[in-house]
Amino acid sequence: MLRNRRSTLLGLLGLAALPAVALAACASAPPPNAVAFGALAEVQVLDRDTNALLPIYWHKGQRYIAGEPGHRYALVVRNRSGGRVLALVSVDGISAVTGQTAAWDQSGYVFSPGQRWEVRGWRKSQDRIAAFEFTRLADSYAARTGRPDHVGVIGVALFREAPRPLPSSPPLSQRREEGGVANHAADANANAARAQAPAAPSAEAAAPSREARRDAQRLGTGHGASEWSQVGSTQFERAQARPDEVITIRYDSRQNLMALGVIARPSRPVPQPDPFPGQLGFVPEPPPR
């Protein structure tokens, strides 16, 4: 449990820091079912290789998206509230900021009112990330680090900020580190971390089955290429230790989601019997005797 619920957290830079493509993606009107709405924030999943927002399917009270293996993706989060919120991002049960098994007392991203930001990968430093990319289960970051049990789920836990102190009280210290040259030395650290990650265990030989085929098609999130993504640090005091809201989105391959009934299979025309199947015309002459 948090003792004072006050910690140094990652503060997002202004939207001007987003690349042009990201700005266009954030500014474009989303398709009808591509937004997970919450009271404090909305969350979308952007396929960065197609620049398309992935549709969200509802099934038995859960949200699902279909990922494309090998494609990079980003979580587009927008603060809908009138105050600052803290967003803890969990992918496959792992904190996208610390790399630890996700818990509510960890670091996250602080969003100003109305701010929108693309969380594009595993945070390696204040300047670099390792891109999120859809990959097969065995190649996911969670499986490679020995934590495959929660692969296939994205979570955003949102916290309101505690009321500000009265003007007579000393204000909370706040520090923001902006601008500057990207720290390219982080590339070497990211590559070294990937090289040291334990290899995924080999699958046991078994007769092919529907469940085995489904497992072979299961998606996870890989530790992709190193990219520049700069944030600063700021002080944020949570109003309470438990999140005010948690937005959950599950994901898998399109084939698996169709097998589970999440996505309807394409309908095929059913042949209908014809009472007069012969070619149109008049009565022909009989064959000669």
C-alpha atoms as a PDB file:
ATOM      1  CA  MET A   1       0.000   0.000   0.000  1.00  0.00           C
ATOM      2  CA  LEU A   2       1.126   3.529  -0.585  1.00  0.00           C
ATOM      3  CA  ARG A   3       2.168   5.471   2.475  1.00  0.00           C
ATOM      4  CA  ASN A   4       1.764   9.044   1.342  1.00  0.00           C
ATOM      5  CA  ARG A   5       0.691   8.348  -2.274  1.00  0.00           C
ATOM      6  CA  ARG A   6       3.130  11.035  -3.449  1.00  0.00           C
ATOM      7  CA  SER A   7       5.852  10.054  -5.869  1.00  0.00           C
ATOM      8  CA  THR A   8       7.810  11.298  -8.841  1.00  0.00           C
ATOM      9  CA  LEU A   9       6.000  10.178 -11.968  1.00  0.00           C
ATOM     10  CA  LEU A  10       6.398  10.611 -15.683  1.00  0.00           C
ATOM     11  CA  GLY A  11       4.850  13.805 -16.996  1.00  0.00           C
ATOM     12  CA  LEU A  12       3.965  14.026 -20.662  1.00  0.00           C
ATOM     13  CA  LEU A  13       5.417  16.747 -22.846  1.00  0.00           C
ATOM     14  CA  GLY A  14       3.061  19.009 -24.763  1.00  0.00           C
ATOM     15  CA  LEU A  15       1.371  17.740 -27.879  1.00  0.00           C
ATOM     16  CA  ALA A  16       3.840  19.730 -29.963  1.00  0.00           C
ATOM     17  CA  ALA A  17       6.356  17.001 -29.157  1.00  0.00           C
ATOM     18  CA  LEU A  18       4.334  14.406 -31.092  1.00  0.00           C
ATOM     19  CA  PRO A  19       5.527  13.537 -34.611  1.00  0.00           C
ATOM     20  CA  ALA A  20       3.360  14.791 -37.457  1.00  0.00           C
ATOM     21  CA  VAL A  21       1.960  11.326 -38.209  1.00  0.00           C
ATOM     22  CA  ALA A  22       0.954  10.854 -34.580  1.00  0.00           C
ATOM     23  CA  LEU A  23      -0.761  14.235 -34.504  1.00  0.00           C
ATOM     24  CA  ALA A  24      -2.750  13.344 -37.598  1.00  0.00           C
ATOM     25  CA  ALA A  25      -3.774  10.030 -36.057  1.00  0.00           C
ATOM     26  CA  CYS A  26      -4.892  11.700 -32.844  1.00  0.00           C
ATOM     27  CA  ALA A  27      -6.773  14.469 -34.613  1.00  0.00           C
ATOM     28  CA  SER A  28      -8.646  12.240 -37.068  1.00  0.00           C
ATOM     29  CA  ALA A  29     -12.229  11.248 -36.316  1.00  0.00           C
ATOM     30  CA  PRO A  30     -12.333   7.685 -34.920  1.00  0.00           C
ATOM     31  CA  PRO A  31     -14.483   5.034 -36.569  1.00  0.00           C
ATOM     32  CA  PRO A  32     -17.685   4.169 -34.681  1.00  0.00           C
ATOM     33  CA  ASN A  33     -16.508   1.350 -32.411  1.00  0.00           C
ATOM     34  CA  ALA A  34     -12.817   2.128 -31.937  1.00  0.00           C
ATOM     35  CA  VAL A  35     -12.967   3.957 -28.586  1.00  0.00           C
ATOM     36  CA  ALA A  36     -13.094   2.516 -25.065  1.00  0.00           C
ATOM     37  CA  PHE A  37     -14.846   5.282 -23.107  1.00  0.00           C
ATOM     38  CA  GLY A  38     -14.374   5.746 -19.401  1.00  0.00           C
ATOM     39  CA  ALA A  39     -15.450   8.485 -17.013  1.00  0.00           C
ATOM     40  CA  LEU A  40     -11.888   9.808 -16.684  1.00  0.00           C
ATOM     41  CA  ALA A  41     -10.306   8.871 -20.003  1.00  0.00           C
ATOM     42  CA  GLU A  42     -10.814   7.235 -23.361  1.00  0.00           C
ATOM     43  CA  VAL A  43      -8.465   4.624 -24.817  1.00  0.00           C
ATOM     44  CA  GLN A  44      -7.914   3.640 -28.456  1.00  0.00           C
ATOM     45  CA  VAL A  45      -5.491   1.193 -30.048  1.00  0.00           C
ATOM     46  CA  LEU A  46      -3.709   2.467 -33.145  1.00  0.00           C
ATOM     47  CA  ASP A  47      -2.104   0.099 -35.652  1.00  0.00           C
ATOM     48  CA  ARG A  48       0.984   2.166 -36.461  1.00  0.00           C
ATOM     49  CA  ASP A  49       1.767   0.248 -39.656  1.00  0.00           C
ATOM     50  CA  THR A  50      -1.620   0.967 -41.229  1.00  0.00           C
ATOM     51  CA  ASN A  51      -2.321   4.194 -39.282  1.00  0.00           C
ATOM     52  CA  ALA A  52      -5.805   2.810 -38.529  1.00  0.00           C
ATOM     53  CA  LEU A  53      -7.637   2.635 -35.210  1.00  0.00           C
ATOM     54  CA  LEU A  54      -8.537  -0.961 -34.405  1.00  0.00           C
ATOM     55  CA  PRO A  55     -12.252  -1.701 -33.972  1.00  0.00           C
ATOM     56  CA  ILE A  56     -13.338  -2.763 -30.492  1.00  0.00           C
ATOM     57  CA  TYR A  57     -15.639  -5.802 -30.279  1.00  0.00           C
ATOM     58  CA  TRP A  58     -17.849  -6.484 -27.257  1.00  0.00           C
ATOM     59  CA  HIS A  59     -18.238 -10.104 -26.192  1.00  0.00           C
ATOM     60  CA  LYS A  60     -19.686 -11.302 -22.890  1.00  0.00           C
ATOM     61  CA  GLY A  61     -19.046  -7.958 -21.237  1.00  0.00           C
ATOM     62  CA  GLN A  62     -15.408  -7.681 -22.386  1.00  0.00           C
ATOM     63  CA  ARG A  63     -13.712  -5.497 -25.003  1.00  0.00           C
ATOM     64  CA  TYR A  64     -11.553  -7.166 -27.669  1.00  0.00           C
ATOM     65  CA  ILE A  65      -9.373  -6.034 -30.557  1.00  0.00           C
ATOM     66  CA  ALA A  66      -7.809  -8.124 -33.327  1.00  0.00           C
ATOM     67  CA  GLY A  67      -4.085  -7.525 -33.820  1.00  0.00           C
ATOM     68  CA  GLU A  68      -1.994  -8.226 -36.904  1.00  0.00           C
ATOM     69  CA  PRO A  69       1.213 -10.202 -36.200  1.00  0.00           C
ATOM     70  CA  GLY A  70       4.318  -8.103 -36.845  1.00  0.00           C
ATOM     71  CA  HIS A  71       2.494  -4.768 -36.689  1.00  0.00           C
ATOM     72  CA  ARG A  72       3.516  -2.035 -34.243  1.00  0.00           C
ATOM     73  CA  TYR A  73       0.768  -0.488 -32.154  1.00  0.00           C
ATOM     74  CA  ALA A  74       0.183   2.359 -29.714  1.00  0.00           C
ATOM     75  CA  LEU A  75      -2.330   3.087 -26.972  1.00  0.00           C
ATOM     76  CA  VAL A  76      -3.927   6.484 -27.546  1.00  0.00           C
ATOM     77  CA  VAL A  77      -5.104   7.818 -24.188  1.00  0.00           C
ATOM     78  CA  ARG A  78      -7.034  11.068 -23.709  1.00  0.00           C
ATOM     79  CA  ASN A  79      -7.894  12.656 -20.382  1.00  0.00           C
ATOM     80  CA  ARG A  80     -11.638  13.429 -20.365  1.00  0.00           C
ATOM     81  CA  SER A  81     -11.693  14.974 -16.899  1.00  0.00           C
ATOM     82  CA  GLY A  82     -11.200  18.547 -15.776  1.00  0.00           C
ATOM     83  CA  GLY A  83      -8.141  17.734 -13.660  1.00  0.00           C
ATOM     84  CA  ARG A  84      -4.871  15.906 -13.955  1.00  0.00           C
ATOM     85  CA  VAL A  85      -5.015  12.118 -13.904  1.00  0.00           C
ATOM     86  CA  LEU A  86      -2.380   9.440 -13.488  1.00  0.00           C
ATOM     87  CA  ALA A  87      -2.567   6.530 -15.968  1.00  0.00           C
ATOM     88  CA  LEU A  88      -0.807   3.274 -15.144  1.00  0.00           C
ATOM     89  CA  VAL A  89      -0.411   1.287 -18.364  1.00  0.00           C
ATOM     90  CA  SER A  90      -0.247  -2.509 -18.150  1.00  0.00           C
ATOM     91  CA  VAL A  91       0.420  -4.786 -21.148  1.00  0.00           C
ATOM     92  CA  ASP A  92       0.278  -8.560 -20.669  1.00  0.00           C
ATOM     93  CA  GLY A  93       0.254  -8.012 -16.904  1.00  0.00           C
ATOM     94  CA  ILE A  94       3.503  -5.980 -16.983  1.00  0.00           C
ATOM     95  CA  SER A  95       3.959  -2.267 -16.293  1.00  0.00           C
ATOM     96  CA  ALA A  96       4.843  -0.455 -19.517  1.00  0.00           C
ATOM     97  CA  VAL A  97       6.962   1.990 -17.482  1.00  0.00           C
ATOM     98  CA  THR A  98       8.861  -0.110 -14.927  1.00  0.00           C
ATOM     99  CA  GLY A  99       8.820  -3.577 -16.534  1.00  0.00           C
ATOM    100  CA  GLN A 100       7.674  -5.050 -13.213  1.00  0.00           C
ATOM    101  CA  THR A 101       4.597  -7.204 -12.776  1.00  0.00           C
ATOM    102  CA  ALA A 102       1.853  -4.577 -12.899  1.00  0.00           C
ATOM    103  CA  ALA A 103       0.537  -3.235  -9.583  1.00  0.00           C
ATOM    104  CA  TRP A 104      -1.374  -0.119  -8.522  1.00  0.00           C
ATOM    105  CA  ASP A 105       1.494   1.520  -6.617  1.00  0.00           C
ATOM    106  CA  GLN A 106       3.844   1.920  -9.599  1.00  0.00           C
ATOM    107  CA  SER A 107       4.829   4.830 -11.824  1.00  0.00           C
ATOM    108  CA  GLY A 108       2.748   5.924 -14.780  1.00  0.00           C
ATOM    109  CA  TYR A 109       1.887   8.826 -17.046  1.00  0.00           C
ATOM    110  CA  VAL A 110       0.364  12.101 -15.830  1.00  0.00           C
ATOM    111  CA  PHE A 111      -2.161  13.664 -18.215  1.00  0.00           C
ATOM    112  CA  SER A 112      -3.264  17.298 -18.078  1.00  0.00           C
ATOM    113  CA  PRO A 113      -6.978  18.046 -18.645  1.00  0.00           C
ATOM    114  CA  GLY A 114      -7.937  17.184 -22.225  1.00  0.00           C
ATOM    115  CA  GLN A 115      -4.439  15.937 -23.093  1.00  0.00           C
ATOM    116  CA  ARG A 116      -4.053  13.097 -25.571  1.00  0.00           C
ATOM    117  CA  TRP A 117      -0.900  10.996 -25.898  1.00  0.00           C
ATOM    118  CA  GLU A 118       0.311   7.892 -27.703  1.00  0.00           C
ATOM    119  CA  VAL A 119       1.932   5.298 -25.432  1.00  0.00           C
ATOM    120  CA  ARG A 120       4.012   3.519 -28.064  1.00  0.00           C
ATOM    121  CA  GLY A 121       6.101   1.035 -26.144  1.00  0.00           C
ATOM    122  CA  TRP A 122       7.978  -0.228 -23.129  1.00  0.00           C
ATOM    123  CA  ARG A 123       9.687   2.751 -21.456  1.00  0.00           C
ATOM    124  CA  LYS A 124      13.480   2.318 -21.415  1.00  0.00           C
ATOM    125  CA  SER A 125      14.362   5.838 -20.232  1.00  0.00           C
ATOM    126  CA  GLN A 126      12.899   9.353 -20.290  1.00  0.00           C
ATOM    127  CA  ASP A 127      13.988   9.549 -23.945  1.00  0.00           C
ATOM    128  CA  ARG A 128      13.509   6.060 -25.410  1.00  0.00           C
ATOM    129  CA  ILE A 129      10.978   3.240 -25.655  1.00  0.00           C
ATOM    130  CA  ALA A 130      10.981  -0.282 -27.128  1.00  0.00           C
ATOM    131  CA  ALA A 131       8.023  -0.373 -29.510  1.00  0.00           C
ATOM    132  CA  PHE A 132       4.906  -2.403 -28.789  1.00  0.00           C
ATOM    133  CA  GLU A 133       4.421  -4.929 -31.576  1.00  0.00           C
ATOM    134  CA  PHE A 134       2.017  -7.809 -31.987  1.00  0.00           C
ATOM    135  CA  THR A 135       3.910 -11.087 -32.040  1.00  0.00           C
ATOM    136  CA  ARG A 136       3.305 -14.753 -31.353  1.00  0.00           C
ATOM    137  CA  LEU A 137       2.944 -15.726 -27.716  1.00  0.00           C
ATOM    138  CA  ALA A 138       6.377 -17.366 -27.389  1.00  0.00           C
ATOM    139  CA  ASP A 139       8.113 -14.188 -28.627  1.00  0.00           C
ATOM    140  CA  SER A 140       6.238 -11.803 -26.342  1.00  0.00           C
ATOM    141  CA  TYR A 141       8.165  -9.812 -23.755  1.00  0.00           C
ATOM    142  CA  ALA A 142       6.094 -11.446 -20.998  1.00  0.00           C
ATOM    143  CA  ALA A 143       6.932 -14.982 -22.155  1.00  0.00           C
ATOM    144  CA  ARG A 144      10.613 -14.157 -22.683  1.00  0.00           C
ATOM    145  CA  THR A 145      10.825 -12.873 -19.102  1.00  0.00           C
ATOM    146  CA  GLY A 146       9.021 -15.899 -17.653  1.00  0.00           C
ATOM    147  CA  ARG A 147       5.588 -14.254 -17.122  1.00  0.00           C
ATOM    148  CA  PRO A 148       3.254 -15.615 -19.826  1.00  0.00           C
ATOM    149  CA  ASP A 149       0.131 -16.098 -17.673  1.00  0.00           C
ATOM    150  CA  HIS A 150      -1.511 -12.758 -18.508  1.00  0.00           C
ATOM    151  CA  VAL A 151      -0.572 -12.356 -22.152  1.00  0.00           C
ATOM    152  CA  GLY A 152      -3.383 -10.895 -24.249  1.00  0.00           C
ATOM    153  CA  VAL A 153      -4.716  -8.058 -22.097  1.00  0.00           C
ATOM    154  CA  ILE A 154      -4.125  -4.297 -21.940  1.00  0.00           C
ATOM    155  CA  GLY A 155      -5.099  -2.285 -18.860  1.00  0.00           C
ATOM    156  CA  VAL A 156      -5.127   1.412 -18.030  1.00  0.00           C
ATOM    157  CA  ALA A 157      -5.658   2.211 -14.324  1.00  0.00           C
ATOM    158  CA  LEU A 158      -6.631   5.847 -13.728  1.00  0.00           C
ATOM    159  CA  PHE A 159      -6.170   7.887 -10.561  1.00  0.00           C
ATOM    160  CA  ARG A 160      -7.541  11.314  -9.735  1.00  0.00           C
ATOM    161  CA  GLU A 161      -5.183  13.848  -8.180  1.00  0.00           C
ATOM    162  CA  ALA A 162      -5.548  14.827  -4.526  1.00  0.00           C
ATOM    163  CA  PRO A 163      -6.778  18.388  -3.926  1.00  0.00           C
ATOM    164  CA  ARG A 164      -4.086  21.032  -4.169  1.00  0.00           C
ATOM    165  CA  PRO A 165      -2.893  22.644  -0.904  1.00  0.00           C
ATOM    166  CA  LEU A 166      -4.264  26.055   0.055  1.00  0.00           C
ATOM    167  CA  PRO A 167      -2.334  29.087  -1.277  1.00  0.00           C
ATOM    168  CA  SER A 168      -0.870  29.703   2.206  1.00  0.00           C
ATOM    169  CA  SER A 169       0.722  26.270   2.157  1.00  0.00           C
ATOM    170  CA  PRO A 170       3.968  25.660   0.254  1.00  0.00           C
ATOM    171  CA  PRO A 171       3.103  24.313  -3.239  1.00  0.00           C
ATOM    172  CA  LEU A 172       4.140  20.868  -4.331  1.00  0.00           C
ATOM    173  CA  SER A 173       7.507  20.917  -6.024  1.00  0.00           C
ATOM    174  CA  GLN A 174       7.251  20.235  -9.713  1.00  0.00           C
ATOM    175  CA  ARG A 175      10.046  19.621 -12.162  1.00  0.00           C
ATOM    176  CA  ARG A 176       9.733  19.049 -15.905  1.00  0.00           C
ATOM    177  CA  GLU A 177      12.599  18.148 -18.177  1.00  0.00           C
ATOM    178  CA  GLU A 178      11.762  19.114 -21.738  1.00  0.00           C
ATOM    179  CA  GLY A 179      13.406  19.363 -25.136  1.00  0.00           C
ATOM    180  CA  GLY A 180      17.011  18.447 -25.774  1.00  0.00           C
ATOM    181  CA  VAL A 181      18.675  15.806 -27.873  1.00  0.00           C
ATOM    182  CA  ALA A 182      17.449  12.244 -27.668  1.00  0.00           C
ATOM    183  CA  ASN A 183      19.664   9.898 -25.669  1.00  0.00           C
ATOM    184  CA  HIS A 184      20.846   7.517 -28.391  1.00  0.00           C
ATOM    185  CA  ALA A 185      22.980   5.632 -25.855  1.00  0.00           C
ATOM    186  CA  ALA A 186      19.748   4.018 -24.689  1.00  0.00           C
ATOM    187  CA  ASP A 187      19.717   1.978 -27.911  1.00  0.00           C
ATOM    188  CA  ALA A 188      22.680  -0.028 -26.697  1.00  0.00           C
ATOM    189  CA  ASN A 189      20.973  -0.636 -23.340  1.00  0.00           C
ATOM    190  CA  ALA A 190      17.784  -1.778 -25.058  1.00  0.00           C
ATOM    191  CA  ASN A 191      19.670  -4.171 -27.342  1.00  0.00           C
ATOM    192  CA  ALA A 192      21.645  -5.540 -24.399  1.00  0.00           C
ATOM    193  CA  ALA A 193      18.433  -6.130 -22.433  1.00  0.00           C
ATOM    194  CA  ARG A 194      16.937  -8.039 -25.352  1.00  0.00           C
ATOM    195  CA  ALA A 195      20.062 -10.160 -25.729  1.00  0.00           C
ATOM    196  CA  GLN A 196      19.995 -11.074 -22.004  1.00  0.00           C
ATOM    197  CA  ALA A 197      16.299 -11.973 -21.969  1.00  0.00           C
ATOM    198  CA  PRO A 198      15.797 -15.715 -21.495  1.00  0.00           C
ATOM    199  CA  ALA A 199      14.771 -17.614 -24.592  1.00  0.00           C
ATOM    200  CA  ALA A 200      11.220 -18.916 -24.731  1.00  0.00           C
ATOM    201  CA  PRO A 201      10.978 -22.615 -23.857  1.00  0.00           C
ATOM    202  CA  SER A 202      10.371 -24.970 -26.735  1.00  0.00           C
ATOM    203  CA  ALA A 203       6.813 -26.263 -27.085  1.00  0.00           C
ATOM    204  CA  GLU A 204       6.177 -29.892 -26.224  1.00  0.00           C
ATOM    205  CA  ALA A 205       5.429 -32.167 -29.131  1.00  0.00           C
ATOM    206  CA  ALA A 206       1.736 -32.969 -29.241  1.00  0.00           C
ATOM    207  CA  ALA A 207      -0.855 -34.090 -31.718  1.00  0.00           C
ATOM    208  CA  PRO A 208      -2.487 -31.129 -33.484  1.00  0.00           C
ATOM    209  CA  SER A 209      -5.768 -30.091 -31.893  1.00  0.00           C
ATOM    210  CA  ARG A 210      -8.104 -27.138 -32.051  1.00  0.00           C
ATOM    211  CA  GLU A 211      -6.694 -25.811 -28.771  1.00  0.00           C
ATOM    212  CA  ALA A 212      -3.109 -26.305 -29.954  1.00  0.00           C
ATOM    213  CA  ARG A 213      -3.823 -24.463 -33.182  1.00  0.00           C
ATOM    214  CA  ARG A 214      -5.434 -21.645 -31.217  1.00  0.00           C
ATOM    215  CA  ASP A 215      -2.395 -21.402 -28.927  1.00  0.00           C
ATOM    216  CA  ALA A 216      -0.114 -21.259 -31.961  1.00  0.00           C
ATOM    217  CA  GLN A 217      -2.113 -18.283 -33.255  1.00  0.00           C
ATOM    218  CA  ARG A 218      -2.259 -16.461 -29.894  1.00  0.00           C
ATOM    219  CA  LEU A 219      -0.799 -12.979 -29.881  1.00  0.00           C
ATOM    220  CA  GLY A 220       1.403 -11.262 -27.337  1.00  0.00           C
ATOM    221  CA  THR A 221       3.279  -7.970 -27.272  1.00  0.00           C
ATOM    222  CA  GLY A 222       6.935  -8.039 -28.220  1.00  0.00           C
ATOM    223  CA  HIS A 223       9.898  -5.869 -27.164  1.00  0.00           C
ATOM    224  CA  GLY A 224      10.330  -4.038 -30.467  1.00  0.00           C
ATOM    225  CA  ALA A 225      12.866  -1.637 -31.911  1.00  0.00           C
ATOM    226  CA  SER A 226      14.171   1.282 -29.874  1.00  0.00           C
ATOM    227  CA  GLU A 227      12.481   4.614 -30.646  1.00  0.00           C
ATOM    228  CA  TRP A 228      12.684   8.197 -29.419  1.00  0.00           C
ATOM    229  CA  SER A 229       9.835   9.153 -27.060  1.00  0.00           C
ATOM    230  CA  GLN A 230      10.566  11.882 -24.548  1.00  0.00           C
ATOM    231  CA  VAL A 231       8.818  12.541 -21.251  1.00  0.00           C
ATOM    232  CA  GLY A 232       9.674  14.531 -18.125  1.00  0.00           C
ATOM    233  CA  SER A 233       8.997  13.992 -14.433  1.00  0.00           C
ATOM    234  CA  THR A 234       6.458  15.610 -12.140  1.00  0.00           C
ATOM    235  CA  GLN A 235       4.972  15.245  -8.663  1.00  0.00           C
ATOM    236  CA  PHE A 236       1.520  13.709  -8.387  1.00  0.00           C
ATOM    237  CA  GLU A 237      -0.391  12.854  -5.217  1.00  0.00           C
ATOM    238  CA  ARG A 238      -3.165  10.304  -5.684  1.00  0.00           C
ATOM    239  CA  ALA A 239      -6.536  11.015  -4.148  1.00  0.00           C
ATOM    240  CA  GLN A 240      -6.730   7.357  -3.050  1.00  0.00           C
ATOM    241  CA  ALA A 241      -4.645   4.203  -3.161  1.00  0.00           C
ATOM    242  CA  ARG A 242      -7.074   2.295  -5.382  1.00  0.00           C
ATOM    243  CA  PRO A 243      -7.651   3.399  -8.982  1.00  0.00           C
ATOM    244  CA  ASP A 244     -10.758   5.455  -9.658  1.00  0.00           C
ATOM    245  CA  GLU A 245     -11.245   3.577 -12.922  1.00  0.00           C
ATOM    246  CA  VAL A 246      -9.704   0.683 -14.856  1.00  0.00           C
ATOM    247  CA  ILE A 247     -10.166   0.325 -18.623  1.00  0.00           C
ATOM    248  CA  THR A 248      -9.429  -3.176 -19.942  1.00  0.00           C
ATOM    249  CA  ILE A 249      -9.010  -4.271 -23.572  1.00  0.00           C
ATOM    250  CA  ARG A 250      -8.238  -7.882 -24.505  1.00  0.00           C
ATOM    251  CA  TYR A 251      -6.546  -8.814 -27.778  1.00  0.00           C
ATOM    252  CA  ASP A 252      -5.732 -11.819 -29.928  1.00  0.00           C
ATOM    253  CA  SER A 253      -5.415 -12.858 -33.559  1.00  0.00           C
ATOM    254  CA  ARG A 254      -8.460 -12.444 -35.792  1.00  0.00           C
ATOM    255  CA  GLN A 255      -8.600 -16.231 -36.334  1.00  0.00           C
ATOM    256  CA  ASN A 256      -8.786 -16.897 -32.601  1.00  0.00           C
ATOM    257  CA  LEU A 257     -11.396 -14.215 -32.013  1.00  0.00           C
ATOM    258  CA  MET A 258     -13.555 -15.707 -34.750  1.00  0.00           C
ATOM    259  CA  ALA A 259     -13.127 -19.174 -33.222  1.00  0.00           C
ATOM    260  CA  LEU A 260     -14.226 -17.788 -29.848  1.00  0.00           C
ATOM    261  CA  GLY A 261     -17.255 -16.078 -31.376  1.00  0.00           C
ATOM    262  CA  VAL A 262     -15.984 -12.570 -30.626  1.00  0.00           C
ATOM    263  CA  ILE A 263     -15.892 -11.694 -34.345  1.00  0.00           C
ATOM    264  CA  ALA A 264     -18.570 -13.102 -36.635  1.00  0.00           C
ATOM    265  CA  ARG A 265     -17.252 -15.243 -39.447  1.00  0.00           C
ATOM    266  CA  PRO A 266     -17.910 -13.903 -42.948  1.00  0.00           C
ATOM    267  CA  SER A 267     -21.233 -15.201 -44.165  1.00  0.00           C
ATOM    268  CA  ARG A 268     -21.203 -17.476 -47.190  1.00  0.00           C
ATOM    269  CA  PRO A 269     -24.148 -17.616 -49.607  1.00  0.00           C
ATOM    270  CA  VAL A 270     -26.160 -20.793 -49.094  1.00  0.00           C
ATOM    271  CA  PRO A 271     -27.137 -22.517 -52.385  1.00  0.00           C
ATOM    272  CA  GLN A 272     -30.889 -22.484 -52.898  1.00  0.00           C
ATOM    273  CA  PRO A 273     -32.705 -25.155 -54.973  1.00  0.00           C
ATOM    274  CA  ASP A 274     -34.222 -23.887 -58.228  1.00  0.00           C
ATOM    275  CA  PRO A 275     -37.572 -25.375 -59.307  1.00  0.00           C
ATOM    276  CA  PHE A 276     -36.723 -24.705 -62.955  1.00  0.00           C
ATOM    277  CA  PRO A 277     -32.966 -25.250 -63.274  1.00  0.00           C
ATOM    278  CA  GLY A 278     -32.937 -25.760 -67.016  1.00  0.00           C
ATOM    279  CA  GLN A 279     -31.944 -23.131 -69.542  1.00  0.00           C
ATOM    280  CA  LEU A 280     -34.706 -20.723 -70.539  1.00  0.00           C
ATOM    281  CA  GLY A 281     -36.191 -21.220 -73.984  1.00  0.00           C
ATOM    282  CA  PHE A 282     -38.835 -23.221 -75.860  1.00  0.00           C
ATOM    283  CA  VAL A 283     -39.480 -26.931 -76.171  1.00  0.00           C
ATOM    284  CA  PRO A 284     -36.784 -28.466 -78.403  1.00  0.00           C
ATOM    285  CA  GLU A 285     -37.371 -31.068 -81.078  1.00  0.00           C
ATOM    286  CA  PRO A 286     -36.979 -34.674 -79.961  1.00  0.00           C
ATOM    287  CA  PRO A 287     -33.942 -36.657 -81.107  1.00  0.00           C
ATOM    288  CA  PRO A 288     -34.348 -38.453 -84.461  1.00  0.00           C
ATOM    289  CA  ARG A 289     -35.462 -42.082 -84.383  1.00  0.00           C
END
